Amino acid sequence: MNSLNQCLTFLQRLEELKLIERANMVLGGTRQENSAEHSWHVATMALILAPELAEDLDLFKVIAMLLIHDIVEIEAGDTFIHSKDVMSQKAREEKALENLFNLLPEDQGNYLKELWHECENLETKEARFAKALDHFQPIMNYHQVGKIYTDRAPVSID
């Protein structure tokens, strides 16, 4: 398979991110947020908030981290922090990382795997900023909506 076909195959798999339901509700509380919406929202947050909150960051790197950090959920699923599945999360994500990023040409796949690990391991100021935004976004949504799903049962702050 040539490299363009590899890229297109990978991009087609990304569509599956829209099918991964997260614990958060969207604004209005009508449905759960999906992982693609989360990735878009948190990457946009970085673009808007970085000038206000973080100096001397490689903003492209932060946005790239935020756009790829949840891709593993296509195969590993979204793991709610208080879920019983949290113990197996790392192993499931590592396997998914290899399966998904190996669809790309080797140099691109390796670059994105390294970027994903940098973000997960909080190795740089960019990774720490990205992870802080990743953790803040659900809190911001929760504050606006007042509901999360734990094991798919709604919990309300009302």
Protein backbone atom coordinates (compact mmCIF):
# COMPACT_ATOMS: atom_id res chain seq x y z
CA MET A 1 0.00 0.00 0.00
CA ASN A 2 1.44 3.39 -0.91
CA SER A 3 1.76 6.12 1.70
CA LEU A 4 -1.24 8.14 0.46
CA ASN A 5 -3.47 5.07 0.76
CA GLN A 6 -2.10 4.44 4.24
CA CYS A 7 -2.96 8.01 5.25
CA LEU A 8 -6.46 7.72 3.81
CA THR A 9 -7.03 4.41 5.61
CA PHE A 10 -5.98 6.03 8.88
CA LEU A 11 -8.20 9.05 8.27
CA GLN A 12 -11.16 6.78 7.56
CA ARG A 13 -10.59 5.02 10.90
CA LEU A 14 -10.69 8.44 12.62
CA GLU A 15 -14.38 8.68 11.73
CA GLU A 16 -14.93 6.02 14.41
CA LEU A 17 -13.96 8.57 17.07
CA LYS A 18 -17.41 10.09 16.54
CA LEU A 19 -18.94 6.85 17.84
CA ILE A 20 -17.13 6.83 21.20
CA GLU A 21 -19.44 8.24 23.87
CA ARG A 22 -17.85 10.01 26.80
CA ALA A 23 -19.21 10.46 30.32
CA ASN A 24 -19.88 14.17 29.71
CA MET A 25 -23.06 15.62 28.32
CA VAL A 26 -23.02 18.25 25.58
CA LEU A 27 -24.28 21.73 26.38
CA GLY A 28 -28.03 21.50 26.80
CA GLY A 29 -27.76 18.03 28.31
CA THR A 30 -29.49 16.32 25.38
CA ARG A 31 -26.85 13.63 24.75
CA GLN A 32 -23.39 12.48 25.67
CA GLU A 33 -20.36 14.11 24.10
CA ASN A 34 -18.36 11.95 21.71
CA SER A 35 -14.58 11.74 21.64
CA ALA A 36 -14.26 13.61 18.32
CA GLU A 37 -16.20 16.54 19.76
CA HIS A 38 -14.04 16.48 22.87
CA SER A 39 -10.81 16.49 20.83
CA TRP A 40 -12.01 19.39 18.69
CA HIS A 41 -13.18 21.37 21.71
CA VAL A 42 -10.02 20.93 23.75
CA ALA A 43 -7.76 21.73 20.74
CA THR A 44 -9.77 24.91 20.17
CA MET A 45 -9.44 25.72 23.87
CA ALA A 46 -5.66 25.52 23.48
CA LEU A 47 -5.74 27.93 20.55
CA ILE A 48 -7.84 30.44 22.51
CA LEU A 49 -6.37 30.04 26.01
CA ALA A 50 -2.65 29.56 25.34
CA PRO A 51 -2.00 33.29 24.77
CA GLU A 52 -3.76 34.03 28.08
CA LEU A 53 -2.36 31.21 30.23
CA ALA A 54 0.92 29.92 28.87
CA GLU A 55 3.89 31.76 27.47
CA ASP A 56 6.58 30.30 25.27
CA LEU A 57 4.72 27.17 24.16
CA ASP A 58 4.89 25.37 20.84
CA LEU A 59 1.17 25.83 20.19
CA PHE A 60 1.21 23.60 17.10
CA LYS A 61 2.59 20.77 19.24
CA VAL A 62 -0.06 21.32 21.94
CA ILE A 63 -2.87 21.27 19.37
CA ALA A 64 -1.40 18.19 17.68
CA MET A 65 -1.26 16.40 21.05
CA LEU A 66 -4.87 17.30 21.77
CA LEU A 67 -6.06 16.16 18.36
CA ILE A 68 -4.38 12.74 18.66
CA HIS A 69 -4.50 11.96 22.39
CA ASP A 70 -7.90 10.23 22.27
CA ILE A 71 -7.50 8.39 18.96
CA VAL A 72 -6.67 5.24 20.93
CA GLU A 73 -10.27 5.29 22.21
CA ILE A 74 -11.35 3.97 18.78
CA GLU A 75 -10.12 0.57 19.94
CA ALA A 76 -9.63 0.99 23.70
CA GLY A 77 -12.85 2.90 24.45
CA ASP A 78 -13.20 5.89 26.76
CA THR A 79 -12.39 5.03 30.35
CA PHE A 80 -14.19 7.08 32.97
CA ILE A 81 -11.81 7.91 35.82
CA HIS A 82 -13.88 6.02 38.42
CA SER A 83 -14.57 3.02 36.17
CA LYS A 84 -13.45 -0.48 37.07
CA ASP A 85 -11.73 -0.55 33.65
CA VAL A 86 -9.17 2.08 34.71
CA MET A 87 -6.76 -0.68 35.81
CA SER A 88 -6.50 -2.10 32.29
CA GLN A 89 -6.61 1.26 30.51
CA LYS A 90 -2.86 1.65 29.89
CA ALA A 91 -2.47 -1.79 28.30
CA ARG A 92 -5.56 -1.36 26.12
CA GLU A 93 -4.40 2.07 24.96
CA GLU A 94 -0.87 0.88 24.16
CA LYS A 95 -2.25 -1.93 21.99
CA ALA A 96 -4.64 0.47 20.26
CA LEU A 97 -1.80 2.96 19.74
CA GLU A 98 0.24 0.36 17.86
CA ASN A 99 -2.72 -0.89 15.80
CA LEU A 100 -3.94 2.55 14.76
CA PHE A 101 -0.74 4.50 14.23
CA ASN A 102 0.84 1.58 12.38
CA LEU A 103 -1.76 2.20 9.65
CA LEU A 104 0.25 5.31 8.72
CA PRO A 105 3.57 5.44 6.88
CA GLU A 106 6.26 4.47 9.37
CA ASP A 107 7.78 7.92 9.90
CA GLN A 108 4.37 9.56 10.50
CA GLY A 109 3.17 6.74 12.72
CA ASN A 110 6.33 6.84 14.83
CA TYR A 111 6.14 10.63 15.18
CA LEU A 112 2.53 10.49 16.38
CA LYS A 113 3.28 7.61 18.77
CA GLU A 114 6.14 9.64 20.28
CA LEU A 115 3.88 12.68 20.55
CA TRP A 116 1.17 10.60 22.24
CA HIS A 117 3.67 9.20 24.77
CA GLU A 118 5.08 12.67 25.43
CA CYS A 119 1.58 13.88 26.21
CA GLU A 120 0.63 10.87 28.35
CA ASN A 121 3.88 11.01 30.32
CA LEU A 122 3.73 14.79 30.80
CA GLU A 123 7.30 15.08 29.52
CA THR A 124 7.20 18.72 28.42
CA LYS A 125 5.45 21.99 29.24
CA GLU A 126 3.38 21.46 26.08
CA ALA A 127 2.26 18.05 27.35
CA ARG A 128 1.40 19.42 30.78
CA PHE A 129 -0.61 22.28 29.27
CA ALA A 130 -2.42 19.89 26.91
CA LYS A 131 -3.27 17.51 29.75
CA ALA A 132 -4.45 20.35 31.97
CA LEU A 133 -6.86 21.48 29.25
CA ASP A 134 -7.93 17.88 28.64
CA HIS A 135 -8.87 17.61 32.32
CA PHE A 136 -10.45 21.06 32.47
CA GLN A 137 -12.80 20.64 29.50
CA PRO A 138 -15.04 18.01 31.15
CA ILE A 139 -15.20 20.09 34.33
CA MET A 140 -16.24 23.11 32.29
CA ASN A 141 -18.95 21.05 30.55
CA TYR A 142 -20.10 19.56 33.84
CA HIS A 143 -20.42 23.02 35.34
CA GLN A 144 -22.59 24.14 32.42
CA VAL A 145 -24.70 20.98 32.12
CA GLY A 146 -24.64 19.49 35.61
CA LYS A 147 -24.65 15.86 34.46
CA ILE A 148 -22.18 13.10 33.78
CA TYR A 149 -22.73 9.43 33.06
CA THR A 150 -21.10 6.82 35.25
CA ASP A 151 -21.39 3.36 33.75
CA ARG A 152 -24.01 4.97 31.48
CA ALA A 153 -26.37 5.89 34.32
CA PRO A 154 -27.02 9.65 34.56
CA VAL A 155 -25.85 11.48 37.65
CA SER A 156 -27.15 14.98 38.29
CA ILE A 157 -25.92 17.70 40.62
CA ASP A 158 -29.52 18.91 41.07
